[in-house]
Protein backbone atom coordinates (compact mmCIF):
# COMPACT_ATOMS: atom_id res chain seq x y z
CA MET A 1 198.16 160.32 54.54
CA PHE A 2 198.72 159.74 58.92
CA ASP A 3 201.06 162.09 59.07
CA GLU A 4 198.98 165.36 58.52
CA ILE A 5 197.60 167.22 61.38
CA VAL A 6 194.76 168.38 61.77
CA ASN A 7 193.30 171.67 64.22
CA ARG A 8 190.16 170.27 65.11
CA LYS A 9 190.33 172.79 67.90
CA GLY A 10 186.68 175.16 67.50
CA THR A 11 184.58 171.60 66.03
CA SER A 12 182.71 171.00 69.38
CA CYS A 13 185.40 168.58 69.28
CA ALA A 14 184.68 166.53 73.20
CA LYS A 15 188.42 165.62 73.05
CA TYR A 16 189.42 168.83 72.39
CA ASP A 17 187.27 171.41 73.54
CA ALA A 18 186.21 169.76 76.41
CA LEU A 19 189.61 169.88 78.38
CA GLU A 20 188.68 172.26 80.50
CA THR A 21 185.23 170.95 81.55
CA TYR A 22 186.89 167.40 81.99
CA PHE A 23 190.00 167.96 83.43
CA GLY A 24 189.94 171.79 84.41
CA TYR A 25 192.82 172.51 82.10
CA SER A 26 192.20 174.13 78.54
CA ASP A 27 195.71 174.35 77.50
CA LEU A 28 196.79 170.02 77.79
CA GLN A 29 197.86 168.18 74.74
CA PRO A 30 194.49 166.15 74.27
CA LEU A 31 195.58 161.97 74.24
CA TRP A 32 192.21 160.70 75.56
CA VAL A 33 189.11 160.13 74.01
CA ALA A 34 189.15 156.71 72.34
CA ASP A 35 188.93 158.88 68.80
CA MET A 36 191.61 159.50 65.84
CA ASP A 37 193.32 162.49 64.73
CA PHE A 38 193.36 161.56 61.31
CA LYS A 39 191.13 162.48 58.65
CA THR A 40 188.43 160.22 57.90
CA PRO A 41 188.74 158.19 55.17
CA ASP A 42 188.10 159.69 51.52
CA VAL A 43 185.75 157.26 50.36
CA ILE A 44 183.41 157.96 53.03
CA ASN A 45 184.38 162.03 52.81
CA GLU A 46 182.81 161.53 49.46
CA ALA A 47 179.73 159.27 50.38
CA ILE A 48 178.77 161.86 52.67
CA ILE A 49 179.06 164.85 50.54
CA LYS A 50 177.23 162.96 47.82
CA ARG A 51 174.29 162.21 50.10
CA ALA A 52 174.88 165.77 51.76
CA GLN A 53 174.03 167.67 47.99
CA HIS A 54 170.99 165.33 47.75
CA GLY A 55 169.43 168.43 50.12
CA VAL A 56 166.69 166.29 51.94
CA TYR A 57 167.37 164.78 55.49
CA GLY A 58 164.69 162.96 56.48
CA TYR A 59 164.61 160.29 58.86
CA ALA A 60 166.20 157.32 57.52
CA LYS A 61 166.30 152.74 58.37
CA PRO A 62 168.87 150.67 56.78
CA SER A 63 168.31 148.94 53.31
CA THR A 64 169.21 145.67 52.79
CA LYS A 65 172.26 147.04 51.09
CA THR A 66 173.24 148.13 54.66
CA TYR A 67 172.32 144.97 56.20
CA ASN A 68 174.41 142.60 53.37
CA LEU A 69 177.37 144.94 53.85
CA VAL A 70 177.41 144.10 57.92
CA LYS A 71 176.96 140.62 57.06
CA GLU A 72 179.77 140.65 54.29
CA TRP A 73 182.17 142.33 56.35
CA MET A 74 181.88 139.99 59.77
CA HIS A 75 181.81 136.79 57.22
CA LYS A 76 185.33 138.79 55.07
CA ARG A 77 187.10 140.20 58.22
CA HIS A 78 186.70 137.82 61.10
CA SER A 79 185.37 134.19 58.91
CA TRP A 80 181.94 134.78 60.94
CA GLN A 81 178.93 133.23 58.46
CA ILE A 82 175.93 135.27 60.34
CA ASP A 83 172.54 135.98 58.35
CA THR A 84 171.30 139.61 58.15
CA SER A 85 167.89 138.58 60.00
CA TRP A 86 170.44 138.48 63.53
CA ILE A 87 171.54 141.81 63.38
CA SER A 88 169.91 145.14 65.00
CA PHE A 89 170.66 148.73 64.41
CA CYS A 90 171.34 151.23 66.72
CA ASN A 91 172.79 154.69 68.11
CA GLY A 92 175.72 153.57 69.98
CA VAL A 93 177.83 151.03 71.75
CA VAL A 94 177.02 151.95 74.60
CA PRO A 95 173.24 152.70 74.70
CA ALA A 96 173.40 149.34 73.62
CA TYR A 97 174.79 147.96 76.82
CA SER A 98 172.73 150.06 78.85
CA ALA A 99 169.46 148.87 76.82
CA ALA A 100 170.81 144.90 77.00
CA ILE A 101 170.78 145.07 80.95
CA GLU A 102 167.98 146.59 80.93
CA ALA A 103 166.18 144.34 78.69
CA LEU A 104 168.27 141.05 79.78
CA SER A 105 168.16 141.21 83.53
CA GLU A 106 166.17 142.62 86.65
CA GLU A 107 166.73 144.78 89.52
CA ASP A 108 168.84 143.70 91.57
CA ASP A 109 170.75 140.97 89.41
CA GLU A 110 174.46 141.01 89.24
CA ILE A 111 176.36 142.38 86.01
CA ILE A 112 180.29 139.96 85.76
CA VAL A 113 182.32 142.90 84.58
CA GLN A 114 186.34 141.76 83.44
CA THR A 115 188.25 144.93 85.06
CA PRO A 116 190.13 146.83 85.21
CA VAL A 117 187.51 147.55 81.75
CA TYR A 118 185.65 150.48 79.93
CA PHE A 119 184.96 152.42 81.86
CA PRO A 120 181.03 153.59 80.95
CA LEU A 121 179.64 150.35 81.66
CA PHE A 122 179.40 150.35 85.02
CA ASN A 123 177.37 153.71 84.81
CA SER A 124 175.40 151.44 82.29
CA ILE A 125 175.13 148.36 85.40
CA LYS A 126 174.58 151.14 87.73
CA ASN A 127 171.84 153.34 86.32
CA ASN A 128 169.90 150.29 85.56
CA ASN A 129 169.80 149.30 89.25
CA ARG A 130 171.94 146.04 88.55
CA LYS A 131 174.94 145.13 91.19
CA ILE A 132 178.43 145.12 89.23
CA VAL A 133 180.45 142.18 90.09
CA ARG A 134 184.59 142.81 89.34
CA ASN A 135 186.26 139.55 88.14
CA SER A 136 189.26 140.80 87.57
CA LEU A 137 192.16 140.45 85.57
CA LYS A 138 195.17 138.72 86.27
CA GLU A 139 198.41 140.74 85.59
CA ASN A 140 202.10 139.13 85.20
CA ASN A 141 205.00 142.20 83.81
CA GLY A 142 202.17 144.11 81.64
CA TYR A 143 200.08 140.82 80.49
CA TYR A 144 197.07 140.20 81.24
CA THR A 145 194.88 137.10 81.82
CA MET A 146 191.32 135.75 82.86
CA ASP A 147 190.92 135.06 86.05
CA LEU A 148 188.17 131.91 85.37
CA GLU A 149 189.08 130.38 88.70
CA ASP A 150 187.46 133.55 90.78
CA LEU A 151 184.53 133.71 87.91
CA LYS A 152 183.40 130.64 89.13
CA ASN A 153 183.67 131.32 92.78
CA LYS A 154 181.45 134.91 92.11
CA ILE A 155 178.96 133.38 90.66
CA THR A 156 175.64 133.21 92.17
CA SER A 157 172.20 132.76 91.84
CA LYS A 158 171.92 136.78 90.86
CA SER A 159 174.13 136.47 88.73
CA LYS A 160 172.86 136.83 84.76
CA ILE A 161 174.90 138.90 82.51
CA LEU A 162 178.96 137.99 81.85
CA VAL A 163 180.47 141.52 79.91
CA LEU A 164 183.30 140.85 78.12
CA CYS A 165 185.04 143.51 76.28
CA SER A 166 186.77 141.91 73.22
CA PRO A 167 189.18 143.00 71.98
CA HIS A 168 189.79 145.20 75.85
CA ASN A 169 189.99 148.49 76.07
CA PRO A 170 191.92 149.49 78.19
CA VAL A 171 194.55 146.76 78.65
CA GLY A 172 194.96 145.83 74.97
CA ARG A 173 194.45 142.21 75.46
CA LEU A 174 193.26 140.10 71.80
CA TRP A 175 191.98 136.58 73.62
CA LYS A 176 192.68 134.03 72.13
CA LYS A 177 190.40 131.59 70.67
CA GLU A 178 191.38 129.02 73.69
CA GLU A 179 190.77 131.71 76.62
CA LEU A 180 187.35 132.64 75.04
CA GLU A 181 186.41 128.76 74.57
CA GLU A 182 187.21 128.32 78.02
CA LEU A 183 185.30 131.02 79.89
CA ALA A 184 182.25 130.30 77.24
CA LYS A 185 181.90 127.10 78.96
CA ILE A 186 181.54 129.04 82.26
CA CYS A 187 178.88 131.05 80.81
CA LEU A 188 177.05 127.90 79.56
CA GLU A 189 177.24 126.04 83.01
CA ASN A 190 176.30 128.82 84.43
CA ASN A 191 173.30 130.05 82.04
CA LEU A 192 174.81 133.96 81.81
CA ILE A 193 174.28 135.58 79.02
CA ILE A 194 177.79 136.87 77.28
CA ILE A 195 177.71 140.76 76.12
CA SER A 196 180.13 140.73 73.84
CA ASP A 197 181.86 144.45 73.48
CA GLU A 198 183.62 143.71 69.73
CA ILE A 199 184.14 147.41 68.84
CA HIS A 200 187.38 147.40 68.71
CA ALA A 201 187.49 143.81 65.81
CA ASP A 202 189.08 145.48 63.02
CA LEU A 203 191.92 147.25 65.22
CA VAL A 204 193.78 143.46 65.31
CA PHE A 205 197.45 142.92 65.03
CA ASP A 206 196.51 139.76 64.64
CA LYS A 207 193.46 136.75 63.81
CA PHE A 208 190.57 138.03 65.47
CA THR A 209 188.14 135.36 66.58
CA PRO A 210 184.39 136.69 67.47
CA MET A 211 182.16 135.47 70.76
CA ALA A 212 179.56 133.84 68.93
CA SER A 213 181.06 132.49 66.03
CA LEU A 214 182.82 129.53 68.02
CA SER A 215 179.99 126.99 68.48
CA LYS A 216 175.80 127.07 67.75
CA GLU A 217 175.67 126.70 71.08
CA ILE A 218 178.06 130.27 72.16
CA SER A 219 176.03 131.93 69.87
CA ASN A 220 172.82 131.02 71.22
CA ILE A 221 173.75 132.93 74.26
CA THR A 222 175.37 135.42 73.11
CA LEU A 223 174.73 139.03 72.08
CA THR A 224 177.57 141.27 70.37
CA LEU A 225 177.35 144.94 70.26
CA ASN A 226 180.06 146.76 67.16
CA SER A 227 180.37 149.16 65.11
CA ALA A 228 182.59 150.62 62.16
CA GLY A 229 182.95 153.54 64.41
CA LYS A 230 185.77 153.21 66.23
CA THR A 231 187.51 151.13 63.13
CA PHE A 232 186.72 154.42 60.34
CA ASN A 233 186.95 157.53 62.87
CA ILE A 234 183.61 158.11 62.71
CA ALA A 235 182.43 157.70 66.00
CA GLY A 236 180.41 160.46 66.31
CA LEU A 237 177.93 159.21 63.34
CA ASN A 238 176.09 157.29 66.27
CA CYS A 239 175.68 153.81 63.72
CA ALA A 240 175.91 151.15 65.62
CA TYR A 241 174.13 147.76 65.36
CA THR A 242 174.28 144.26 67.48
CA ILE A 243 174.41 140.57 66.34
CA CYS A 244 172.32 137.63 67.80
CA GLU A 245 171.17 134.16 66.85
CA ASN A 246 169.04 133.98 70.11
CA LYS A 247 165.62 135.03 68.67
CA GLU A 248 164.19 135.58 72.15
CA ILE A 249 167.27 137.18 73.49
CA LYS A 250 167.07 139.51 70.47
CA GLU A 251 163.28 140.31 70.59
CA LYS A 252 164.19 141.57 73.68
CA LEU A 253 167.17 144.19 73.20
CA ASP A 254 164.56 145.34 70.03
CA LYS A 255 161.99 146.20 71.81
CA GLU A 256 163.98 147.76 74.43
CA LEU A 257 165.69 150.00 71.64
CA ALA A 258 162.06 150.75 69.95
CA LYS A 259 160.86 151.59 73.64
CA ARG A 260 164.05 154.16 74.52
CA GLU A 261 163.52 155.21 71.20
CA LEU A 262 167.43 153.81 70.39
CA ASN A 263 167.02 152.80 67.00
CA SER A 264 167.15 155.64 64.98
CA ILE A 265 169.62 156.60 63.14
CA ASN A 266 170.67 159.54 61.12
CA VAL A 267 171.07 159.10 56.95
CA PHE A 268 175.07 160.13 57.51
CA GLY A 269 175.87 157.36 59.56
CA PHE A 270 173.83 154.81 57.77
CA THR A 271 175.86 156.07 54.29
CA ALA A 272 179.41 156.40 56.45
CA LEU A 273 178.75 152.60 57.40
CA GLU A 274 177.70 151.78 53.79
CA ALA A 275 180.99 153.14 52.36
CA ALA A 276 182.95 152.17 55.28
CA TYR A 277 182.23 148.62 54.64
CA GLU A 278 182.32 148.33 50.98
CA PHE A 279 185.53 150.65 49.87
CA GLY A 280 187.90 150.98 53.39
CA GLU A 281 189.96 148.21 53.48
CA GLU A 282 192.53 149.54 51.55
CA TRP A 283 192.58 152.62 54.07
CA LEU A 284 192.42 150.66 57.63
CA GLU A 285 195.25 147.97 55.92
CA GLU A 286 196.91 150.97 55.73
CA LEU A 287 195.98 152.37 58.91
CA LYS A 288 196.79 149.51 61.34
CA ILE A 289 200.60 149.29 59.67
CA TYR A 290 200.53 153.05 60.88
CA LEU A 291 198.93 152.36 64.51
CA LYS A 292 201.73 149.73 64.77
CA LYS A 293 204.72 151.79 63.65
CA ASN A 294 203.52 154.41 66.22
CA ILE A 295 203.43 151.75 69.37
CA GLU A 296 206.50 150.78 68.64
CA PHE A 297 207.79 154.35 68.91
CA THR A 298 206.38 154.97 71.93
CA LYS A 299 208.07 151.92 73.41
CA ASN A 300 211.69 152.46 71.91
CA TYR A 301 210.50 156.66 72.87
CA LEU A 302 210.68 155.29 76.28
CA SER A 303 213.09 153.27 76.44
CA LYS A 304 215.77 154.98 74.74
CA CYS A 305 214.82 157.79 77.59
CA ASN A 306 215.15 155.63 80.44
CA SER A 307 211.32 156.53 81.32
CA LYS A 308 210.23 155.37 84.62
CA VAL A 309 206.94 154.82 82.64
CA GLN A 310 206.09 151.00 80.84
CA PHE A 311 203.39 149.48 79.11
CA PHE A 312 202.80 146.16 77.36
CA GLU A 313 202.73 146.38 73.59
CA PRO A 314 199.09 145.94 73.14
CA GLU A 315 197.94 142.74 70.78
CA ALA A 316 194.45 145.41 69.61
CA THR A 317 193.62 149.05 69.59
CA TYR A 318 195.32 151.90 69.47
CA LEU A 319 195.05 152.79 73.12
CA LEU A 320 198.34 152.10 75.45
CA TRP A 321 197.95 151.50 78.70
CA LEU A 322 200.67 153.08 80.11
CA ASN A 323 202.28 151.58 83.48
CA PHE A 324 203.77 155.07 86.02
CA LYS A 325 204.16 152.47 89.03
CA ASN A 326 207.76 152.78 89.03
CA THR A 327 207.76 156.34 89.11
CA GLY A 328 207.56 155.48 93.13
CA LEU A 329 204.77 158.45 93.19
CA LYS A 330 200.68 157.79 94.48
CA HIS A 331 198.32 158.07 91.75
CA LYS A 332 196.98 161.79 92.88
CA GLU A 333 200.67 163.05 92.23
CA ILE A 334 201.16 161.41 89.03
CA LYS A 335 198.03 162.73 88.15
CA ASN A 336 198.43 166.54 89.25
CA MET A 337 202.32 166.01 87.75
CA LEU A 338 200.81 164.72 84.20
CA PHE A 339 198.68 168.03 83.68
CA GLU A 340 200.76 171.04 85.71
CA LYS A 341 204.02 169.58 84.95
CA SER A 342 203.77 167.33 81.30
CA GLN A 343 200.63 169.42 80.37
CA ILE A 344 199.13 166.28 78.32
CA ALA A 345 195.59 164.41 79.36
CA LEU A 346 195.71 160.99 79.35
CA ASN A 347 192.52 158.46 80.66
CA ASP A 348 193.16 158.47 84.32
CA GLY A 349 193.39 154.34 84.92
CA ARG A 350 191.16 154.54 88.19
CA SER A 351 188.21 155.29 86.00
CA PHE A 352 188.42 152.24 84.77
CA GLY A 353 188.39 149.98 88.00
CA VAL A 354 190.46 150.00 91.12
CA GLU A 355 193.19 147.68 89.44
CA GLY A 356 194.10 150.70 87.30
CA ASP A 357 195.54 152.72 90.13
CA SER A 358 198.95 154.23 88.86
CA TYR A 359 198.16 153.25 85.24
CA PHE A 360 196.53 155.89 82.28
CA ARG A 361 195.99 155.26 79.23
CA LEU A 362 197.25 157.17 75.85
CA ASN A 363 195.84 156.87 72.92
CA CYS A 364 198.87 156.52 70.26
CA ALA A 365 196.00 157.53 67.23
CA LEU A 366 197.77 160.65 65.96
CA PRO A 367 200.67 161.78 63.58
CA THR A 368 204.03 160.71 65.03
CA SER A 369 205.24 164.24 65.28
CA GLU A 370 202.64 164.95 66.93
CA LEU A 371 203.43 161.20 69.25
CA GLU A 372 206.74 162.85 69.78
CA LYS A 373 205.79 165.86 71.62
CA GLY A 374 203.33 164.67 73.95
CA LEU A 375 205.86 161.39 74.74
CA SER A 376 208.50 164.43 75.32
CA LYS A 377 206.76 165.84 78.02
CA ILE A 378 205.84 162.62 80.25
CA VAL A 379 209.92 162.12 79.76
CA THR A 380 210.81 165.63 81.00
CA TYR A 381 209.23 164.55 84.43
CA PHE A 382 208.85 160.75 84.06
């Protein structure tokens, strides 16, 4: 089923139909936006069709079943026991980022981010008139770790929030329990709230540890952001949720979500989430096998073709952090060649932070035959 080529052009699809808007070219092969070129699982499509047949699409609200399915999913998939009272629904993880930053800090406060990192976060901080403090990850032969000594040196009396991307986008790290515990210890000692973006938590190739699951003490300072969107390719339905045990933090967030009118989800968002968490596990396991094969295919293909492009195999996600440094070209030259010669659209590494110079992010969640076409365009010129 993952080998099927689905034509997404002309469907108001950002990945395909917005190429000229974002890149200035309309004929690029799009391997950029972090959604998958696979059909959404049949169980979700069937649930949406059944709901549509009802014929009335009024205002929706989460049911007791919706809350319980999120709770059960966290326990079953990640061994995390939560209470349904900790859950709040919102219409996206990025809007939740912005609302949380507004709710949990003041203007000119410092928000610490571990760069390179998911780029919409920067705007969420800037647009709320907060200051970005970069705690750059350390890189060694493509493998990234947290620089906790640098973090300690960066914390000031104005530091209020640390944003954790777990698993990490774009570098693909699946943080170990010990790494998370060390990070949390620093946050506890310095009264930092942790906003943990765990939207890729299901797309891991080993055991995932939710930050808030480590201890009661850590849970009390952590706000978790999540969604079934990435996992089941339903991001366009804009149904996300937050999890927070701390009542004060949750109340502040809920107030901000309501103020921004971000807590109203369309009926198909709830329908899709329920179907995904109730019936989607088998599809997810098959997906992960396919993604792992695509990652290995990419590594072997680049090696076989003696390409100068390198990447460290991600421990999570379907996003590959490609390193073009060995080409000897400057970042702008690489970018121009990708667009004008290779005719391929990748995410610009610099958009994730200054650490992304000479890096570009490739989405490998597509049929292997199409992935091979894209890779052949890369190796022809790199």
